[in-house]
Amino acid sequence: MPDMTHAVVLDTNVVLDWLLFRDASCAGLSGPLRQGQLQWHATAPMRGELASVLRRQELQRWAPDCEHILSTFDSLSKVCAEAPSVAVATGRLRSRDPDDQKFIDLAISVKATWLLSRDRALLRLTRPARELGVQILTPARWQQLLAG
């Protein structure tokens, strides 16, 4: 990654893939975040969603270390005020899943370089988001992009 800071927004599933499931496609996040090459932007509702998801029964078989995951969120993310709705402001970029709207709104608001997600509702917004300067990518595609 070039020697500059890029803003990034991570959806909840990417955070889980990275910190709970240790998915190889998310392994490239730790170094750049810790070295300041990536600045992870999030909001309090995003943290709340993560905390809520970590308590779900279906995740208990992975024995999530909630304290570690949430402390990593707290130490590596920059918590921002909730972003105004981009869909309202621009008349577009409305996610089909209302729970995902906060991610695209924040990415546009902070002028993020990337929004990392595997969510189909967000990935459908790739082209209009790119027109506003944000690349919506899967973690695997992001790593390919960085590898050159």
N, C-alpha and C. Protein backbone atom coordinates (compact mmCIF):
# COMPACT_ATOMS: atom_id res chain seq x y z
N MET A 1 0.85 -1.18 0.00
CA MET A 1 0.00 0.00 0.00
C MET A 1 0.89 1.24 0.00
N PRO A 2 0.56 2.24 -0.80
CA PRO A 2 1.36 3.45 -0.82
C PRO A 2 1.45 4.08 0.57
N ASP A 3 2.45 4.90 0.76
CA ASP A 3 2.71 5.50 2.07
C ASP A 3 1.82 6.72 2.28
N MET A 4 0.51 6.49 2.39
CA MET A 4 -0.44 7.55 2.67
C MET A 4 -1.62 6.93 3.39
N THR A 5 -2.43 7.75 4.00
CA THR A 5 -3.58 7.24 4.74
C THR A 5 -4.81 7.25 3.86
N HIS A 6 -5.52 6.13 3.88
CA HIS A 6 -6.77 5.98 3.15
C HIS A 6 -7.88 5.73 4.17
N ALA A 7 -9.00 6.40 3.97
CA ALA A 7 -10.17 6.16 4.82
C ALA A 7 -10.89 4.92 4.33
N VAL A 8 -11.36 4.11 5.28
CA VAL A 8 -12.07 2.89 4.96
C VAL A 8 -13.25 2.74 5.92
N VAL A 9 -14.34 2.18 5.41
CA VAL A 9 -15.49 1.80 6.22
C VAL A 9 -15.64 0.29 6.06
N LEU A 10 -15.80 -0.40 7.18
CA LEU A 10 -15.96 -1.85 7.19
C LEU A 10 -17.37 -2.20 7.65
N ASP A 11 -18.07 -3.00 6.89
CA ASP A 11 -19.39 -3.40 7.38
C ASP A 11 -19.21 -4.45 8.47
N THR A 12 -20.27 -4.73 9.20
CA THR A 12 -20.19 -5.62 10.36
C THR A 12 -19.70 -7.01 9.99
N ASN A 13 -20.14 -7.53 8.86
CA ASN A 13 -19.70 -8.88 8.48
C ASN A 13 -18.22 -8.92 8.16
N VAL A 14 -17.68 -7.87 7.61
CA VAL A 14 -16.23 -7.82 7.35
C VAL A 14 -15.47 -7.80 8.68
N VAL A 15 -15.97 -7.04 9.64
CA VAL A 15 -15.33 -7.01 10.96
C VAL A 15 -15.36 -8.40 11.59
N LEU A 16 -16.49 -9.08 11.48
CA LEU A 16 -16.58 -10.44 12.01
C LEU A 16 -15.65 -11.39 11.26
N ASP A 17 -15.62 -11.28 9.94
CA ASP A 17 -14.73 -12.14 9.15
C ASP A 17 -13.28 -11.93 9.56
N TRP A 18 -12.92 -10.70 9.83
CA TRP A 18 -11.55 -10.35 10.19
C TRP A 18 -11.21 -10.77 11.61
N LEU A 19 -12.03 -10.36 12.57
CA LEU A 19 -11.67 -10.53 13.98
C LEU A 19 -12.19 -11.79 14.64
N LEU A 20 -13.26 -12.37 14.12
CA LEU A 20 -13.80 -13.60 14.72
C LEU A 20 -13.45 -14.83 13.90
N PHE A 21 -13.76 -14.79 12.61
CA PHE A 21 -13.57 -15.96 11.77
C PHE A 21 -12.17 -16.07 11.18
N ARG A 22 -11.38 -15.00 11.31
CA ARG A 22 -10.00 -14.98 10.81
C ARG A 22 -9.94 -15.35 9.32
N ASP A 23 -10.87 -14.81 8.56
CA ASP A 23 -10.94 -15.07 7.13
C ASP A 23 -9.70 -14.51 6.44
N ALA A 24 -9.08 -15.32 5.60
CA ALA A 24 -7.84 -14.92 4.93
C ALA A 24 -8.02 -13.67 4.06
N SER A 25 -9.23 -13.46 3.52
CA SER A 25 -9.44 -12.29 2.67
C SER A 25 -9.43 -10.99 3.47
N CYS A 26 -9.50 -11.09 4.79
CA CYS A 26 -9.47 -9.89 5.65
C CYS A 26 -8.16 -9.73 6.38
N ALA A 27 -7.25 -10.68 6.20
CA ALA A 27 -5.98 -10.66 6.93
C ALA A 27 -5.16 -9.40 6.67
N GLY A 28 -5.33 -8.80 5.50
CA GLY A 28 -4.55 -7.62 5.15
C GLY A 28 -5.00 -6.34 5.83
N LEU A 29 -6.01 -6.40 6.67
CA LEU A 29 -6.49 -5.19 7.34
C LEU A 29 -5.63 -4.79 8.54
N SER A 30 -5.20 -5.75 9.32
CA SER A 30 -4.52 -5.46 10.59
C SER A 30 -3.31 -4.56 10.45
N GLY A 31 -2.39 -4.94 9.59
CA GLY A 31 -1.15 -4.17 9.45
C GLY A 31 -1.39 -2.72 9.06
N PRO A 32 -2.09 -2.47 7.95
CA PRO A 32 -2.33 -1.09 7.53
C PRO A 32 -3.11 -0.26 8.56
N LEU A 33 -4.05 -0.90 9.28
CA LEU A 33 -4.78 -0.16 10.31
C LEU A 33 -3.85 0.21 11.47
N ARG A 34 -3.05 -0.72 11.91
CA ARG A 34 -2.14 -0.47 13.04
C ARG A 34 -1.01 0.50 12.65
N GLN A 35 -0.62 0.49 11.38
CA GLN A 35 0.47 1.37 10.92
C GLN A 35 -0.03 2.73 10.47
N GLY A 36 -1.34 2.94 10.50
CA GLY A 36 -1.90 4.23 10.12
C GLY A 36 -2.05 4.46 8.63
N GLN A 37 -1.87 3.42 7.83
CA GLN A 37 -2.07 3.56 6.39
C GLN A 37 -3.55 3.53 6.03
N LEU A 38 -4.34 2.93 6.90
CA LEU A 38 -5.79 2.93 6.76
C LEU A 38 -6.37 3.59 8.00
N GLN A 39 -7.38 4.42 7.79
CA GLN A 39 -8.11 4.97 8.92
C GLN A 39 -9.54 4.46 8.82
N TRP A 40 -9.89 3.61 9.77
CA TRP A 40 -11.19 2.96 9.80
C TRP A 40 -12.20 3.91 10.45
N HIS A 41 -13.20 4.30 9.69
CA HIS A 41 -14.27 5.17 10.19
C HIS A 41 -15.47 4.32 10.54
N ALA A 42 -16.09 4.65 11.67
CA ALA A 42 -17.26 3.92 12.15
C ALA A 42 -18.13 4.89 12.94
N THR A 43 -19.28 4.41 13.35
CA THR A 43 -20.18 5.20 14.18
C THR A 43 -20.58 4.37 15.39
N ALA A 44 -21.13 5.03 16.40
CA ALA A 44 -21.60 4.32 17.58
C ALA A 44 -22.65 3.26 17.22
N PRO A 45 -23.61 3.56 16.32
CA PRO A 45 -24.55 2.50 15.94
C PRO A 45 -23.87 1.29 15.28
N MET A 46 -22.79 1.51 14.56
CA MET A 46 -22.07 0.38 13.96
C MET A 46 -21.45 -0.48 15.06
N ARG A 47 -20.89 0.17 16.09
CA ARG A 47 -20.33 -0.59 17.21
C ARG A 47 -21.44 -1.34 17.94
N GLY A 48 -22.58 -0.66 18.12
CA GLY A 48 -23.71 -1.31 18.76
C GLY A 48 -24.19 -2.53 18.00
N GLU A 49 -24.23 -2.41 16.67
CA GLU A 49 -24.64 -3.55 15.85
C GLU A 49 -23.66 -4.70 16.02
N LEU A 50 -22.36 -4.41 16.02
CA LEU A 50 -21.35 -5.45 16.20
C LEU A 50 -21.52 -6.13 17.56
N ALA A 51 -21.70 -5.36 18.61
CA ALA A 51 -21.87 -5.93 19.95
C ALA A 51 -23.11 -6.81 19.99
N SER A 52 -24.18 -6.37 19.36
CA SER A 52 -25.42 -7.15 19.33
C SER A 52 -25.23 -8.46 18.56
N VAL A 53 -24.59 -8.39 17.42
CA VAL A 53 -24.36 -9.59 16.61
C VAL A 53 -23.48 -10.58 17.35
N LEU A 54 -22.48 -10.09 18.06
CA LEU A 54 -21.59 -10.99 18.80
C LEU A 54 -22.32 -11.79 19.87
N ARG A 55 -23.44 -11.28 20.35
CA ARG A 55 -24.21 -11.99 21.38
C ARG A 55 -25.18 -13.01 20.79
N ARG A 56 -25.31 -13.06 19.48
CA ARG A 56 -26.27 -13.98 18.86
C ARG A 56 -25.88 -15.43 19.11
N GLN A 57 -26.88 -16.23 19.35
CA GLN A 57 -26.68 -17.64 19.67
C GLN A 57 -25.90 -18.37 18.57
N GLU A 58 -26.20 -18.06 17.31
CA GLU A 58 -25.55 -18.79 16.21
C GLU A 58 -24.04 -18.55 16.13
N LEU A 59 -23.53 -17.52 16.78
CA LEU A 59 -22.08 -17.27 16.78
C LEU A 59 -21.37 -17.92 17.96
N GLN A 60 -22.11 -18.41 18.92
CA GLN A 60 -21.48 -18.92 20.14
C GLN A 60 -20.61 -20.14 19.91
N ARG A 61 -20.87 -20.90 18.86
CA ARG A 61 -20.00 -22.06 18.59
C ARG A 61 -18.58 -21.64 18.22
N TRP A 62 -18.40 -20.38 17.82
CA TRP A 62 -17.05 -19.87 17.53
C TRP A 62 -16.42 -19.24 18.76
N ALA A 63 -17.14 -19.25 19.87
CA ALA A 63 -16.66 -18.70 21.14
C ALA A 63 -16.02 -17.32 20.94
N PRO A 64 -16.82 -16.34 20.51
CA PRO A 64 -16.25 -15.02 20.26
C PRO A 64 -15.69 -14.39 21.54
N ASP A 65 -14.50 -13.84 21.40
CA ASP A 65 -13.91 -13.07 22.49
C ASP A 65 -14.42 -11.64 22.32
N CYS A 66 -15.61 -11.39 22.84
CA CYS A 66 -16.28 -10.11 22.62
C CYS A 66 -15.44 -8.95 23.12
N GLU A 67 -14.81 -9.13 24.26
CA GLU A 67 -13.99 -8.05 24.81
C GLU A 67 -12.85 -7.69 23.87
N HIS A 68 -12.18 -8.68 23.33
CA HIS A 68 -11.08 -8.43 22.39
C HIS A 68 -11.59 -7.77 21.11
N ILE A 69 -12.67 -8.31 20.56
CA ILE A 69 -13.20 -7.77 19.30
C ILE A 69 -13.63 -6.32 19.48
N LEU A 70 -14.37 -6.05 20.55
CA LEU A 70 -14.84 -4.67 20.77
C LEU A 70 -13.70 -3.73 21.15
N SER A 71 -12.70 -4.22 21.87
CA SER A 71 -11.56 -3.34 22.20
C SER A 71 -10.74 -3.06 20.95
N THR A 72 -10.66 -4.02 20.02
CA THR A 72 -9.98 -3.77 18.75
C THR A 72 -10.76 -2.73 17.95
N PHE A 73 -12.07 -2.86 17.92
CA PHE A 73 -12.91 -1.86 17.27
C PHE A 73 -12.62 -0.49 17.87
N ASP A 74 -12.61 -0.42 19.20
CA ASP A 74 -12.41 0.86 19.88
C ASP A 74 -11.02 1.45 19.63
N SER A 75 -10.01 0.61 19.58
CA SER A 75 -8.65 1.13 19.44
C SER A 75 -8.28 1.45 17.99
N LEU A 76 -8.88 0.78 17.03
CA LEU A 76 -8.47 0.97 15.64
C LEU A 76 -9.44 1.81 14.81
N SER A 77 -10.65 2.02 15.31
CA SER A 77 -11.59 2.81 14.51
C SER A 77 -11.68 4.24 15.03
N LYS A 78 -12.03 5.10 14.13
CA LYS A 78 -12.31 6.50 14.48
C LYS A 78 -13.83 6.62 14.47
N VAL A 79 -14.40 6.80 15.66
CA VAL A 79 -15.85 6.87 15.75
C VAL A 79 -16.29 8.29 15.39
N CYS A 80 -17.15 8.36 14.40
CA CYS A 80 -17.64 9.62 13.85
C CYS A 80 -19.10 9.81 14.26
N ALA A 81 -19.56 11.01 14.10
CA ALA A 81 -20.99 11.27 14.26
C ALA A 81 -21.72 10.54 13.14
N GLU A 82 -22.96 10.21 13.37
CA GLU A 82 -23.74 9.56 12.31
C GLU A 82 -23.80 10.48 11.10
N ALA A 83 -23.62 9.90 9.95
CA ALA A 83 -23.62 10.66 8.70
C ALA A 83 -25.04 10.93 8.25
N PRO A 84 -25.25 12.07 7.60
CA PRO A 84 -26.57 12.32 7.02
C PRO A 84 -26.83 11.33 5.90
N SER A 85 -28.07 11.07 5.61
CA SER A 85 -28.42 10.10 4.58
C SER A 85 -28.02 10.60 3.21
N VAL A 86 -27.18 9.82 2.55
CA VAL A 86 -26.77 10.14 1.18
C VAL A 86 -27.95 9.96 0.24
N ALA A 87 -28.78 8.98 0.53
CA ALA A 87 -29.95 8.73 -0.33
C ALA A 87 -30.86 9.94 -0.35
N VAL A 88 -31.04 10.57 0.79
CA VAL A 88 -31.88 11.76 0.85
C VAL A 88 -31.19 12.93 0.15
N ALA A 89 -29.90 13.11 0.43
CA ALA A 89 -29.16 14.25 -0.13
C ALA A 89 -28.97 14.16 -1.64
N THR A 90 -28.75 12.95 -2.16
CA THR A 90 -28.44 12.81 -3.58
C THR A 90 -29.59 12.22 -4.40
N GLY A 91 -30.58 11.69 -3.72
CA GLY A 91 -31.66 11.03 -4.43
C GLY A 91 -31.27 9.67 -4.96
N ARG A 92 -30.12 9.17 -4.58
CA ARG A 92 -29.67 7.84 -5.00
C ARG A 92 -28.82 7.22 -3.91
N LEU A 93 -28.21 6.14 -4.21
CA LEU A 93 -27.41 5.39 -3.24
C LEU A 93 -28.23 4.94 -2.05
N ARG A 94 -29.41 4.46 -2.34
CA ARG A 94 -30.26 3.91 -1.28
C ARG A 94 -30.08 2.39 -1.29
N SER A 95 -29.62 1.86 -0.17
CA SER A 95 -29.46 0.42 -0.05
C SER A 95 -30.82 -0.24 0.06
N ARG A 96 -30.94 -1.40 -0.54
CA ARG A 96 -32.19 -2.16 -0.42
C ARG A 96 -32.39 -2.66 1.00
N ASP A 97 -31.31 -2.75 1.75
CA ASP A 97 -31.38 -3.18 3.15
C ASP A 97 -31.17 -1.95 4.02
N PRO A 98 -32.21 -1.48 4.69
CA PRO A 98 -32.08 -0.26 5.49
C PRO A 98 -30.97 -0.35 6.55
N ASP A 99 -30.67 -1.56 7.04
CA ASP A 99 -29.61 -1.72 8.04
C ASP A 99 -28.23 -1.42 7.47
N ASP A 100 -28.10 -1.50 6.15
CA ASP A 100 -26.81 -1.25 5.50
C ASP A 100 -26.61 0.20 5.09
N GLN A 101 -27.67 0.99 5.14
CA GLN A 101 -27.58 2.37 4.67
C GLN A 101 -26.52 3.17 5.43
N LYS A 102 -26.36 2.88 6.71
CA LYS A 102 -25.40 3.64 7.53
C LYS A 102 -23.96 3.49 7.01
N PHE A 103 -23.65 2.37 6.40
CA PHE A 103 -22.29 2.16 5.90
C PHE A 103 -22.01 3.02 4.67
N ILE A 104 -22.93 3.04 3.73
CA ILE A 104 -22.72 3.86 2.53
C ILE A 104 -22.79 5.33 2.90
N ASP A 105 -23.69 5.71 3.80
CA ASP A 105 -23.79 7.11 4.21
C ASP A 105 -22.47 7.58 4.82
N LEU A 106 -21.90 6.77 5.70
CA LEU A 106 -20.64 7.17 6.33
C LEU A 106 -19.50 7.21 5.31
N ALA A 107 -19.43 6.21 4.46
CA ALA A 107 -18.35 6.17 3.46
C ALA A 107 -18.36 7.42 2.60
N ILE A 108 -19.53 7.83 2.15
CA ILE A 108 -19.63 9.05 1.33
C ILE A 108 -19.31 10.28 2.17
N SER A 109 -19.82 10.33 3.38
CA SER A 109 -19.63 11.49 4.26
C SER A 109 -18.15 11.75 4.57
N VAL A 110 -17.40 10.68 4.85
CA VAL A 110 -15.98 10.87 5.22
C VAL A 110 -15.06 10.78 4.01
N LYS A 111 -15.67 10.66 2.82
CA LYS A 111 -14.90 10.53 1.58
C LYS A 111 -13.92 9.34 1.66
N ALA A 112 -14.47 8.21 2.10
CA ALA A 112 -13.66 7.00 2.21
C ALA A 112 -13.16 6.56 0.84
N THR A 113 -11.97 6.04 0.81
CA THR A 113 -11.45 5.44 -0.42
C THR A 113 -12.20 4.15 -0.70
N TRP A 114 -12.45 3.37 0.39
CA TRP A 114 -13.08 2.06 0.24
C TRP A 114 -14.16 1.83 1.27
N LEU A 115 -15.17 1.11 0.86
CA LEU A 115 -16.16 0.50 1.74
C LEU A 115 -16.04 -0.98 1.48
N LEU A 116 -15.63 -1.74 2.49
CA LEU A 116 -15.45 -3.17 2.31
C LEU A 116 -16.67 -3.92 2.82
N SER A 117 -17.21 -4.77 1.95
CA SER A 117 -18.44 -5.49 2.25
C SER A 117 -18.56 -6.69 1.33
N ARG A 118 -19.30 -7.68 1.78
CA ARG A 118 -19.71 -8.79 0.92
C ARG A 118 -21.22 -8.74 0.69
N ASP A 119 -21.84 -7.75 1.28
CA ASP A 119 -23.30 -7.64 1.24
C ASP A 119 -23.78 -7.26 -0.15
N ARG A 120 -24.69 -8.04 -0.70
CA ARG A 120 -25.17 -7.79 -2.06
C ARG A 120 -25.85 -6.44 -2.19
N ALA A 121 -26.59 -6.03 -1.16
CA ALA A 121 -27.28 -4.73 -1.22
C ALA A 121 -26.27 -3.60 -1.37
N LEU A 122 -25.15 -3.68 -0.68
CA LEU A 122 -24.13 -2.64 -0.81
C LEU A 122 -23.35 -2.79 -2.12
N LEU A 123 -23.03 -4.01 -2.49
CA LEU A 123 -22.26 -4.22 -3.72
C LEU A 123 -23.03 -3.75 -4.96
N ARG A 124 -24.36 -3.75 -4.88
CA ARG A 124 -25.16 -3.24 -6.01
C ARG A 124 -24.96 -1.74 -6.21
N LEU A 125 -24.44 -1.07 -5.19
CA LEU A 125 -24.23 0.38 -5.27
C LEU A 125 -22.83 0.75 -5.75
N THR A 126 -22.08 -0.22 -6.23
CA THR A 126 -20.69 0.00 -6.62
C THR A 126 -20.54 1.14 -7.63
N ARG A 127 -21.28 1.10 -8.70
CA ARG A 127 -21.11 2.11 -9.76
C ARG A 127 -21.49 3.52 -9.28
N PRO A 128 -22.66 3.75 -8.70
CA PRO A 128 -22.97 5.11 -8.25
C PRO A 128 -22.06 5.59 -7.13
N ALA A 129 -21.59 4.68 -6.28
CA ALA A 129 -20.66 5.09 -5.22
C ALA A 129 -19.33 5.51 -5.83
N ARG A 130 -18.88 4.79 -6.84
CA ARG A 130 -17.62 5.14 -7.51
C ARG A 130 -17.69 6.54 -8.09
N GLU A 131 -18.86 6.91 -8.61
CA GLU A 131 -19.04 8.25 -9.15
C GLU A 131 -18.90 9.33 -8.08
N LEU A 132 -19.09 8.94 -6.83
CA LEU A 132 -18.93 9.86 -5.70
C LEU A 132 -17.59 9.66 -4.99
N GLY A 133 -16.72 8.84 -5.57
CA GLY A 133 -15.36 8.69 -5.06
C GLY A 133 -15.11 7.55 -4.12
N VAL A 134 -16.09 6.68 -3.89
CA VAL A 134 -15.93 5.55 -2.97
C VAL A 134 -15.98 4.24 -3.76
N GLN A 135 -15.00 3.39 -3.52
CA GLN A 135 -15.01 2.07 -4.13
C GLN A 135 -15.60 1.08 -3.13
N ILE A 136 -16.67 0.41 -3.52
CA ILE A 136 -17.25 -0.65 -2.69
C ILE A 136 -16.67 -1.96 -3.22
N LEU A 137 -15.95 -2.65 -2.35
CA LEU A 137 -15.25 -3.87 -2.75
C LEU A 137 -15.43 -4.96 -1.71
N THR A 138 -15.35 -6.20 -2.17
CA THR A 138 -15.24 -7.30 -1.22
C THR A 138 -13.82 -7.26 -0.66
N PRO A 139 -13.60 -7.82 0.52
CA PRO A 139 -12.23 -7.85 1.05
C PRO A 139 -11.25 -8.56 0.11
N ALA A 140 -11.69 -9.63 -0.54
CA ALA A 140 -10.80 -10.34 -1.46
C ALA A 140 -10.42 -9.46 -2.64
N ARG A 141 -11.37 -8.74 -3.19
CA ARG A 141 -11.07 -7.84 -4.32
C ARG A 141 -10.16 -6.70 -3.87
N TRP A 142 -10.36 -6.21 -2.66
CA TRP A 142 -9.51 -5.14 -2.11
C TRP A 142 -8.07 -5.62 -2.00
N GLN A 143 -7.88 -6.83 -1.50
CA GLN A 143 -6.51 -7.36 -1.39
C GLN A 143 -5.88 -7.54 -2.76
N GLN A 144 -6.65 -7.99 -3.75
CA GLN A 144 -6.14 -8.11 -5.11
C GLN A 144 -5.72 -6.76 -5.65
N LEU A 145 -6.53 -5.76 -5.40
CA LEU A 145 -6.25 -4.40 -5.86
C LEU A 145 -4.94 -3.90 -5.27
N LEU A 146 -4.73 -4.14 -3.99
CA LEU A 146 -3.51 -3.69 -3.33
C LEU A 146 -2.28 -4.46 -3.78
N ALA A 147 -2.49 -5.73 -4.11
CA ALA A 147 -1.36 -6.56 -4.55
C ALA A 147 -0.88 -6.16 -5.94
N GLY A 148 -1.73 -5.43 -6.64
CA GLY A 148 -1.29 -4.86 -7.90
C GLY A 148 -1.72 -5.56 -9.10
